[in-house]
Amino acid sequence: MTNEEAKQLPHGIYRLHLIEGGTILAAVGSDPSGDRWIAPCNWIGNIGATDLWDAVESAELEIPAQPFYEFNSDYRRGLTTQKHLKIDREI
């Protein structure tokens, strides 16, 4: 999967199918530039990595994240809007 393909994924919990075989369960979100990060639930390292997408063959959305609430805050001379996400069902 390319970074451009990954950018099309909505935030949520995914079952990621790896090119070399196997699957991982991971949270997928985005950084300020829009790149998607992967936070695998069963890995020790590379938490929040954005450079692992080339190892992913496909992504299956298990639990979508929904906007929970928004708030505005002044941060470094600019007004930013931050979205907080919640999972819409229990595991």
PDB file of N, CA and C in Angstrom:
ATOM      1  N   MET A   1       0.867  -1.165   0.000  1.00  0.00           N
ATOM      2  CA  MET A   1       0.000   0.000   0.000  1.00  0.00           C
ATOM      3  C   MET A   1       0.912   1.227   0.000  1.00  0.00           C
ATOM      4  N   THR A   2       0.585   2.194  -0.826  1.00  0.00           N
ATOM      5  CA  THR A   2       1.378   3.416  -0.881  1.00  0.00           C
ATOM      6  C   THR A   2       0.874   4.419   0.157  1.00  0.00           C
ATOM      7  N   ASN A   3       1.697   5.432   0.437  1.00  0.00           N
ATOM      8  CA  ASN A   3       1.269   6.499   1.354  1.00  0.00           C
ATOM      9  C   ASN A   3       0.035   7.214   0.809  1.00  0.00           C
ATOM     10  N   GLU A   4      -0.045   7.377  -0.500  1.00  0.00           N
ATOM     11  CA  GLU A   4      -1.203   8.041  -1.104  1.00  0.00           C
ATOM     12  C   GLU A   4      -2.467   7.206  -0.911  1.00  0.00           C
ATOM     13  N   GLU A   5      -2.359   5.893  -1.039  1.00  0.00           N
ATOM     14  CA  GLU A   5      -3.511   5.025  -0.785  1.00  0.00           C
ATOM     15  C   GLU A   5      -3.896   5.081   0.689  1.00  0.00           C
ATOM     16  N   ALA A   6      -2.901   5.095   1.571  1.00  0.00           N
ATOM     17  CA  ALA A   6      -3.164   5.143   3.009  1.00  0.00           C
ATOM     18  C   ALA A   6      -3.871   6.433   3.406  1.00  0.00           C
ATOM     19  N   LYS A   7      -3.562   7.540   2.728  1.00  0.00           N
ATOM     20  CA  LYS A   7      -4.203   8.828   3.049  1.00  0.00           C
ATOM     21  C   LYS A   7      -5.710   8.798   2.818  1.00  0.00           C
ATOM     22  N   GLN A   8      -6.184   7.842   2.041  1.00  0.00           N
ATOM     23  CA  GLN A   8      -7.614   7.725   1.772  1.00  0.00           C
ATOM     24  C   GLN A   8      -8.359   6.970   2.868  1.00  0.00           C
ATOM     25  N   LEU A   9      -7.620   6.337   3.782  1.00  0.00           N
ATOM     26  CA  LEU A   9      -8.257   5.566   4.852  1.00  0.00           C
ATOM     27  C   LEU A   9      -8.804   6.496   5.934  1.00  0.00           C
ATOM     28  N   PRO A  10     -10.054   6.322   6.331  1.00  0.00           N
ATOM     29  CA  PRO A  10     -10.563   7.088   7.470  1.00  0.00           C
ATOM     30  C   PRO A  10      -9.943   6.570   8.770  1.00  0.00           C
ATOM     31  N   HIS A  11      -9.913   7.397   9.789  1.00  0.00           N
ATOM     32  CA  HIS A  11      -9.387   6.986  11.089  1.00  0.00           C
ATOM     33  C   HIS A  11     -10.205   5.832  11.643  1.00  0.00           C
ATOM     34  N   GLY A  12      -9.530   4.941  12.349  1.00  0.00           N
ATOM     35  CA  GLY A  12     -10.237   3.829  12.969  1.00  0.00           C
ATOM     36  C   GLY A  12      -9.295   2.713  13.358  1.00  0.00           C
ATOM     37  N   ILE A  13      -9.888   1.589  13.715  1.00  0.00           N
ATOM     38  CA  ILE A  13      -9.148   0.381  14.040  1.00  0.00           C
ATOM     39  C   ILE A  13      -9.230  -0.533  12.819  1.00  0.00           C
ATOM     40  N   TYR A  14      -8.083  -1.001  12.354  1.00  0.00           N
ATOM     41  CA  TYR A  14      -7.996  -1.799  11.134  1.00  0.00           C
ATOM     42  C   TYR A  14      -7.338  -3.146  11.389  1.00  0.00           C
ATOM     43  N   ARG A  15      -7.710  -4.112  10.578  1.00  0.00           N
ATOM     44  CA  ARG A  15      -6.954  -5.342  10.442  1.00  0.00           C
ATOM     45  C   ARG A  15      -6.121  -5.136   9.184  1.00  0.00           C
ATOM     46  N   LEU A  16      -4.804  -5.022   9.373  1.00  0.00           N
ATOM     47  CA  LEU A  16      -3.894  -4.785   8.261  1.00  0.00           C
ATOM     48  C   LEU A  16      -3.310  -6.110   7.808  1.00  0.00           C
ATOM     49  N   HIS A  17      -3.471  -6.409   6.540  1.00  0.00           N
ATOM     50  CA  HIS A  17      -2.940  -7.632   5.944  1.00  0.00           C
ATOM     51  C   HIS A  17      -1.573  -7.296   5.357  1.00  0.00           C
ATOM     52  N   LEU A  18      -0.547  -8.009   5.812  1.00  0.00           N
ATOM     53  CA  LEU A  18       0.825  -7.718   5.429  1.00  0.00           C
ATOM     54  C   LEU A  18       1.224  -8.467   4.159  1.00  0.00           C
ATOM     55  N   ILE A  19       2.084  -7.862   3.364  1.00  0.00           N
ATOM     56  CA  ILE A  19       2.558  -8.455   2.123  1.00  0.00           C
ATOM     57  C   ILE A  19       3.259  -9.782   2.389  1.00  0.00           C
ATOM     58  N   GLU A  20       4.041  -9.857   3.450  1.00  0.00           N
ATOM     59  CA  GLU A  20       4.792 -11.079   3.761  1.00  0.00           C
ATOM     60  C   GLU A  20       3.948 -12.112   4.504  1.00  0.00           C
ATOM     61  N   GLY A  21       2.669 -11.840   4.678  1.00  0.00           N
ATOM     62  CA  GLY A  21       1.773 -12.758   5.359  1.00  0.00           C
ATOM     63  C   GLY A  21       1.457 -12.297   6.763  1.00  0.00           C
ATOM     64  N   GLY A  22       0.336 -12.732   7.258  1.00  0.00           N
ATOM     65  CA  GLY A  22      -0.090 -12.367   8.597  1.00  0.00           C
ATOM     66  C   GLY A  22      -0.881 -11.074   8.608  1.00  0.00           C
ATOM     67  N   THR A  23      -1.467 -10.811   9.758  1.00  0.00           N
ATOM     68  CA  THR A  23      -2.236  -9.585   9.941  1.00  0.00           C
ATOM     69  C   THR A  23      -1.876  -8.959  11.283  1.00  0.00           C
ATOM     70  N   ILE A  24      -2.119  -7.679  11.390  1.00  0.00           N
ATOM     71  CA  ILE A  24      -1.991  -6.976  12.663  1.00  0.00           C
ATOM     72  C   ILE A  24      -3.252  -6.149  12.872  1.00  0.00           C
ATOM     73  N   LEU A  25      -3.595  -5.952  14.116  1.00  0.00           N
ATOM     74  CA  LEU A  25      -4.689  -5.061  14.480  1.00  0.00           C
ATOM     75  C   LEU A  25      -4.046  -3.743  14.888  1.00  0.00           C
ATOM     76  N   ALA A  26      -4.468  -2.647  14.277  1.00  0.00           N
ATOM     77  CA  ALA A  26      -3.790  -1.375  14.519  1.00  0.00           C
ATOM     78  C   ALA A  26      -4.762  -0.206  14.458  1.00  0.00           C
ATOM     79  N   ALA A  27      -4.458   0.809  15.247  1.00  0.00           N
ATOM     80  CA  ALA A  27      -5.153   2.085  15.128  1.00  0.00           C
ATOM     81  C   ALA A  27      -4.500   2.854  13.982  1.00  0.00           C
ATOM     82  N   VAL A  28      -5.316   3.547  13.205  1.00  0.00           N
ATOM     83  CA  VAL A  28      -4.820   4.379  12.107  1.00  0.00           C
ATOM     84  C   VAL A  28      -5.364   5.778  12.318  1.00  0.00           C
ATOM     85  N   GLY A  29      -4.467   6.747  12.304  1.00  0.00           N
ATOM     86  CA  GLY A  29      -4.838   8.152  12.442  1.00  0.00           C
ATOM     87  C   GLY A  29      -3.997   8.976  11.489  1.00  0.00           C
ATOM     88  N   SER A  30      -3.953  10.280  11.689  1.00  0.00           N
ATOM     89  CA  SER A  30      -3.153  11.115  10.793  1.00  0.00           C
ATOM     90  C   SER A  30      -2.369  12.153  11.568  1.00  0.00           C
ATOM     91  N   ASP A  31      -1.240  12.540  10.981  1.00  0.00           N
ATOM     92  CA  ASP A  31      -0.433  13.599  11.563  1.00  0.00           C
ATOM     93  C   ASP A  31      -0.871  14.936  10.951  1.00  0.00           C
ATOM     94  N   PRO A  32      -0.307  16.058  11.380  1.00  0.00           N
ATOM     95  CA  PRO A  32      -0.764  17.358  10.868  1.00  0.00           C
ATOM     96  C   PRO A  32      -0.640  17.531   9.348  1.00  0.00           C
ATOM     97  N   SER A  33       0.272  16.779   8.713  1.00  0.00           N
ATOM     98  CA  SER A  33       0.429  16.895   7.263  1.00  0.00           C
ATOM     99  C   SER A  33      -0.562  16.035   6.486  1.00  0.00           C
ATOM    100  N   GLY A  34      -1.335  15.199   7.195  1.00  0.00           N
ATOM    101  CA  GLY A  34      -2.301  14.331   6.541  1.00  0.00           C
ATOM    102  C   GLY A  34      -1.810  12.915   6.322  1.00  0.00           C
ATOM    103  N   ASP A  35      -0.511  12.669   6.571  1.00  0.00           N
ATOM    104  CA  ASP A  35       0.005  11.309   6.453  1.00  0.00           C
ATOM    105  C   ASP A  35      -0.634  10.436   7.524  1.00  0.00           C
ATOM    106  N   ARG A  36      -0.955   9.211   7.164  1.00  0.00           N
ATOM    107  CA  ARG A  36      -1.560   8.277   8.108  1.00  0.00           C
ATOM    108  C   ARG A  36      -0.472   7.552   8.893  1.00  0.00           C
ATOM    109  N   TRP A  37      -0.677   7.464  10.206  1.00  0.00           N
ATOM    110  CA  TRP A  37       0.232   6.691  11.047  1.00  0.00           C
ATOM    111  C   TRP A  37      -0.442   5.383  11.427  1.00  0.00           C
ATOM    112  N   ILE A  38       0.400   4.422  11.794  1.00  0.00           N
ATOM    113  CA  ILE A  38      -0.057   3.106  12.231  1.00  0.00           C
ATOM    114  C   ILE A  38       0.424   2.911  13.660  1.00  0.00           C
ATOM    115  N   ALA A  39      -0.480   2.544  14.547  1.00  0.00           N
ATOM    116  CA  ALA A  39      -0.120   2.193  15.925  1.00  0.00           C
ATOM    117  C   ALA A  39      -0.570   0.751  16.168  1.00  0.00           C
ATOM    118  N   PRO A  40       0.301  -0.205  15.841  1.00  0.00           N
ATOM    119  CA  PRO A  40      -0.066  -1.618  16.011  1.00  0.00           C
ATOM    120  C   PRO A  40      -0.326  -1.966  17.469  1.00  0.00           C
ATOM    121  N   CYS A  41      -1.339  -2.769  17.691  1.00  0.00           N
ATOM    122  CA  CYS A  41      -1.699  -3.186  19.055  1.00  0.00           C
ATOM    123  C   CYS A  41      -0.799  -4.290  19.578  1.00  0.00           C
ATOM    124  N   ASN A  42      -0.143  -5.033  18.704  1.00  0.00           N
ATOM    125  CA  ASN A  42       0.655  -6.170  19.132  1.00  0.00           C
ATOM    126  C   ASN A  42       2.148  -6.017  18.818  1.00  0.00           C
ATOM    127  N   TRP A  43       2.619  -4.780  18.639  1.00  0.00           N
ATOM    128  CA  TRP A  43       4.038  -4.535  18.398  1.00  0.00           C
ATOM    129  C   TRP A  43       4.601  -3.763  19.573  1.00  0.00           C
ATOM    130  N   ILE A  44       5.913  -3.846  19.738  1.00  0.00           N
ATOM    131  CA  ILE A  44       6.587  -3.087  20.787  1.00  0.00           C
ATOM    132  C   ILE A  44       7.146  -1.785  20.241  1.00  0.00           C
ATOM    133  N   GLY A  45       7.682  -1.784  19.036  1.00  0.00           N
ATOM    134  CA  GLY A  45       8.312  -0.597  18.464  1.00  0.00           C
ATOM    135  C   GLY A  45       7.492   0.023  17.356  1.00  0.00           C
ATOM    136  N   ASN A  46       7.994   1.118  16.807  1.00  0.00           N
ATOM    137  CA  ASN A  46       7.397   1.833  15.673  1.00  0.00           C
ATOM    138  C   ASN A  46       5.982   2.320  15.946  1.00  0.00           C
ATOM    139  N   ILE A  47       5.687   2.642  17.181  1.00  0.00           N
ATOM    140  CA  ILE A  47       4.345   3.127  17.500  1.00  0.00           C
ATOM    141  C   ILE A  47       4.160   4.505  16.864  1.00  0.00           C
ATOM    142  N   GLY A  48       3.099   4.642  16.119  1.00  0.00           N
ATOM    143  CA  GLY A  48       2.819   5.903  15.449  1.00  0.00           C
ATOM    144  C   GLY A  48       3.626   6.113  14.186  1.00  0.00           C
ATOM    145  N   ALA A  49       4.175   5.053  13.622  1.00  0.00           N
ATOM    146  CA  ALA A  49       5.014   5.181  12.435  1.00  0.00           C
ATOM    147  C   ALA A  49       4.188   5.492  11.194  1.00  0.00           C
ATOM    148  N   THR A  50       4.725   6.366  10.340  1.00  0.00           N
ATOM    149  CA  THR A  50       4.067   6.688   9.074  1.00  0.00           C
ATOM    150  C   THR A  50       4.770   6.024   7.895  1.00  0.00           C
ATOM    151  N   ASP A  51       5.867   5.320   8.156  1.00  0.00           N
ATOM    152  CA  ASP A  51       6.665   4.759   7.064  1.00  0.00           C
ATOM    153  C   ASP A  51       6.530   3.243   6.928  1.00  0.00           C
ATOM    154  N   LEU A  52       5.463   2.661   7.462  1.00  0.00           N
ATOM    155  CA  LEU A  52       5.277   1.216   7.413  1.00  0.00           C
ATOM    156  C   LEU A  52       4.299   0.765   6.338  1.00  0.00           C
ATOM    157  N   TRP A  53       3.723   1.703   5.608  1.00  0.00           N
ATOM    158  CA  TRP A  53       2.659   1.350   4.674  1.00  0.00           C
ATOM    159  C   TRP A  53       3.124   0.446   3.546  1.00  0.00           C
ATOM    160  N   ASP A  54       4.396   0.488   3.182  1.00  0.00           N
ATOM    161  CA  ASP A  54       4.876  -0.368   2.099  1.00  0.00           C
ATOM    162  C   ASP A  54       4.848  -1.850   2.475  1.00  0.00           C
ATOM    163  N   ALA A  55       4.704  -2.175   3.763  1.00  0.00           N
ATOM    164  CA  ALA A  55       4.597  -3.563   4.215  1.00  0.00           C
ATOM    165  C   ALA A  55       3.142  -4.050   4.239  1.00  0.00           C
ATOM    166  N   VAL A  56       2.197  -3.138   3.989  1.00  0.00           N
ATOM    167  CA  VAL A  56       0.769  -3.466   4.076  1.00  0.00           C
ATOM    168  C   VAL A  56       0.218  -3.752   2.689  1.00  0.00           C
ATOM    169  N   GLU A  57      -0.430  -4.913   2.561  1.00  0.00           N
ATOM    170  CA  GLU A  57      -1.062  -5.275   1.290  1.00  0.00           C
ATOM    171  C   GLU A  57      -2.455  -4.670   1.183  1.00  0.00           C
ATOM    172  N   SER A  58      -3.230  -4.777   2.277  1.00  0.00           N
ATOM    173  CA  SER A  58      -4.585  -4.220   2.279  1.00  0.00           C
ATOM    174  C   SER A  58      -5.000  -3.909   3.711  1.00  0.00           C
ATOM    175  N   ALA A  59      -6.027  -3.086   3.833  1.00  0.00           N
ATOM    176  CA  ALA A  59      -6.515  -2.657   5.144  1.00  0.00           C
ATOM    177  C   ALA A  59      -8.020  -2.892   5.212  1.00  0.00           C
ATOM    178  N   GLU A  60      -8.438  -3.554   6.274  1.00  0.00           N
ATOM    179  CA  GLU A  60      -9.848  -3.859   6.487  1.00  0.00           C
ATOM    180  C   GLU A  60     -10.326  -3.110   7.729  1.00  0.00           C
ATOM    181  N   LEU A  61     -11.238  -2.158   7.546  1.00  0.00           N
ATOM    182  CA  LEU A  61     -11.735  -1.360   8.656  1.00  0.00           C
ATOM    183  C   LEU A  61     -12.571  -2.228   9.589  1.00  0.00           C
ATOM    184  N   GLU A  62     -12.167  -2.304  10.843  1.00  0.00           N
ATOM    185  CA  GLU A  62     -12.890  -3.082  11.855  1.00  0.00           C
ATOM    186  C   GLU A  62     -13.831  -2.184  12.661  1.00  0.00           C
ATOM    187  N   ILE A  63     -13.315  -1.039  13.123  1.00  0.00           N
ATOM    188  CA  ILE A  63     -14.101  -0.122  13.950  1.00  0.00           C
ATOM    189  C   ILE A  63     -13.801   1.309  13.492  1.00  0.00           C
ATOM    190  N   PRO A  64     -14.776   1.985  12.894  1.00  0.00           N
ATOM    191  CA  PRO A  64     -14.539   3.369  12.468  1.00  0.00           C
ATOM    192  C   PRO A  64     -14.515   4.320  13.661  1.00  0.00           C
ATOM    193  N   ALA A  65     -13.700   5.340  13.558  1.00  0.00           N
ATOM    194  CA  ALA A  65     -13.681   6.399  14.564  1.00  0.00           C
ATOM    195  C   ALA A  65     -14.600   7.512  14.099  1.00  0.00           C
ATOM    196  N   GLN A  66     -15.389   8.056  15.021  1.00  0.00           N
ATOM    197  CA  GLN A  66     -16.324   9.130  14.713  1.00  0.00           C
ATOM    198  C   GLN A  66     -15.895  10.384  15.467  1.00  0.00           C
ATOM    199  N   PRO A  67     -16.108  11.581  14.879  1.00  0.00           N
ATOM    200  CA  PRO A  67     -15.777  12.807  15.621  1.00  0.00           C
ATOM    201  C   PRO A  67     -16.521  12.840  16.947  1.00  0.00           C
ATOM    202  N   PHE A  68     -15.809  13.099  18.000  1.00  0.00           N
ATOM    203  CA  PHE A  68     -16.394  13.137  19.337  1.00  0.00           C
ATOM    204  C   PHE A  68     -16.774  14.567  19.700  1.00  0.00           C
ATOM    205  N   TYR A  69     -15.831  15.466  19.644  1.00  0.00           N
ATOM    206  CA  TYR A  69     -16.117  16.875  19.827  1.00  0.00           C
ATOM    207  C   TYR A  69     -14.953  17.681  19.285  1.00  0.00           C
ATOM    208  N   GLU A  70     -15.184  18.936  19.061  1.00  0.00           N
ATOM    209  CA  GLU A  70     -14.144  19.843  18.584  1.00  0.00           C
ATOM    210  C   GLU A  70     -13.968  20.959  19.595  1.00  0.00           C
ATOM    211  N   PHE A  71     -12.767  21.447  19.677  1.00  0.00           N
ATOM    212  CA  PHE A  71     -12.545  22.637  20.483  1.00  0.00           C
ATOM    213  C   PHE A  71     -11.459  23.469  19.825  1.00  0.00           C
ATOM    214  N   ASN A  72     -11.498  24.747  20.076  1.00  0.00           N
ATOM    215  CA  ASN A  72     -10.492  25.656  19.544  1.00  0.00           C
ATOM    216  C   ASN A  72      -9.534  26.051  20.653  1.00  0.00           C
ATOM    217  N   SER A  73      -8.283  26.195  20.289  1.00  0.00           N
ATOM    218  CA  SER A  73      -7.294  26.646  21.263  1.00  0.00           C
ATOM    219  C   SER A  73      -6.252  27.492  20.559  1.00  0.00           C
ATOM    220  N   ASP A  74      -5.777  28.518  21.236  1.00  0.00           N
ATOM    221  CA  ASP A  74      -4.678  29.304  20.696  1.00  0.00           C
ATOM    222  C   ASP A  74      -3.399  28.514  20.886  1.00  0.00           C
ATOM    223  N   TYR A  75      -2.630  28.363  19.834  1.00  0.00           N
ATOM    224  CA  TYR A  75      -1.393  27.597  19.922  1.00  0.00           C
ATOM    225  C   TYR A  75      -0.362  28.226  19.000  1.00  0.00           C
ATOM    226  N   ARG A  76       0.715  28.706  19.576  1.00  0.00           N
ATOM    227  CA  ARG A  76       1.821  29.315  18.826  1.00  0.00           C
ATOM    228  C   ARG A  76       1.347  30.346  17.815  1.00  0.00           C
ATOM    229  N   ARG A  77       0.651  31.321  18.290  1.00  0.00           N
ATOM    230  CA  ARG A  77       0.179  32.466  17.513  1.00  0.00           C
ATOM    231  C   ARG A  77      -0.847  32.112  16.447  1.00  0.00           C
ATOM    232  N   GLY A  78      -1.519  31.006  16.550  1.00  0.00           N
ATOM    233  CA  GLY A  78      -2.542  30.664  15.559  1.00  0.00           C
ATOM    234  C   GLY A  78      -3.711  29.970  16.216  1.00  0.00           C
ATOM    235  N   LEU A  79      -4.829  30.053  15.585  1.00  0.00           N
ATOM    236  CA  LEU A  79      -6.003  29.376  16.093  1.00  0.00           C
ATOM    237  C   LEU A  79      -6.109  28.037  15.367  1.00  0.00           C
ATOM    238  N   THR A  80      -6.132  26.958  16.119  1.00  0.00           N
ATOM    239  CA  THR A  80      -6.227  25.632  15.519  1.00  0.00           C
ATOM    240  C   THR A  80      -7.485  24.948  16.019  1.00  0.00           C
ATOM    241  N   THR A  81      -8.040  24.129  15.187  1.00  0.00           N
ATOM    242  CA  THR A  81      -9.176  23.302  15.578  1.00  0.00           C
ATOM    243  C   THR A  81      -8.672  21.880  15.729  1.00  0.00           C
ATOM    244  N   GLN A  82      -8.955  21.273  16.862  1.00  0.00           N
ATOM    245  CA  GLN A  82      -8.530  19.907  17.101  1.00  0.00           C
ATOM    246  C   GLN A  82      -9.762  19.036  17.227  1.00  0.00           C
ATOM    247  N   LYS A  83      -9.758  17.910  16.552  1.00  0.00           N
ATOM    248  CA  LYS A  83     -10.866  16.963  16.637  1.00  0.00           C
ATOM    249  C   LYS A  83     -10.442  15.811  17.529  1.00  0.00           C
ATOM    250  N   HIS A  84     -11.298  15.433  18.425  1.00  0.00           N
ATOM    251  CA  HIS A  84     -11.070  14.268  19.257  1.00  0.00           C
ATOM    252  C   HIS A  84     -12.005  13.181  18.771  1.00  0.00           C
ATOM    253  N   LEU A  85     -11.499  11.979  18.703  1.00  0.00           N
ATOM    254  CA  LEU A  85     -12.263  10.882  18.139  1.00  0.00           C
ATOM    255  C   LEU A  85     -12.680   9.902  19.215  1.00  0.00           C
ATOM    256  N   LYS A  86     -13.794   9.268  18.995  1.00  0.00           N
ATOM    257  CA  LYS A  86     -14.224   8.195  19.882  1.00  0.00           C
ATOM    258  C   LYS A  86     -14.595   7.002  19.013  1.00  0.00           C
ATOM    259  N   ILE A  87     -14.509   5.848  19.592  1.00  0.00           N
ATOM    260  CA  ILE A  87     -14.926   4.652  18.889  1.00  0.00           C
ATOM    261  C   ILE A  87     -16.417   4.486  19.126  1.00  0.00           C
ATOM    262  N   ASP A  88     -17.169   4.211  18.068  1.00  0.00           N
ATOM    263  CA  ASP A  88     -18.624   4.210  18.188  1.00  0.00           C
ATOM    264  C   ASP A  88     -19.215   2.884  18.658  1.00  0.00           C
ATOM    265  N   ARG A  89     -18.374   1.925  19.010  1.00  0.00           N
ATOM    266  CA  ARG A  89     -18.888   0.686  19.584  1.00  0.00           C
ATOM    267  C   ARG A  89     -17.802   0.060  20.445  1.00  0.00           C
ATOM    268  N   GLU A  90     -18.221  -0.791  21.354  1.00  0.00           N
ATOM    269  CA  GLU A  90     -17.261  -1.440  22.214  1.00  0.00           C
ATOM    270  C   GLU A  90     -16.705  -2.674  21.534  1.00  0.00           C
ATOM    271  N   ILE A  91     -15.475  -3.018  21.894  1.00  0.00           N
ATOM    272  CA  ILE A  91     -14.836  -4.210  21.327  1.00  0.00           C
ATOM    273  C   ILE A  91     -15.297  -5.420  22.100  1.00  0.00           C
TER     274      ILE A  91
END
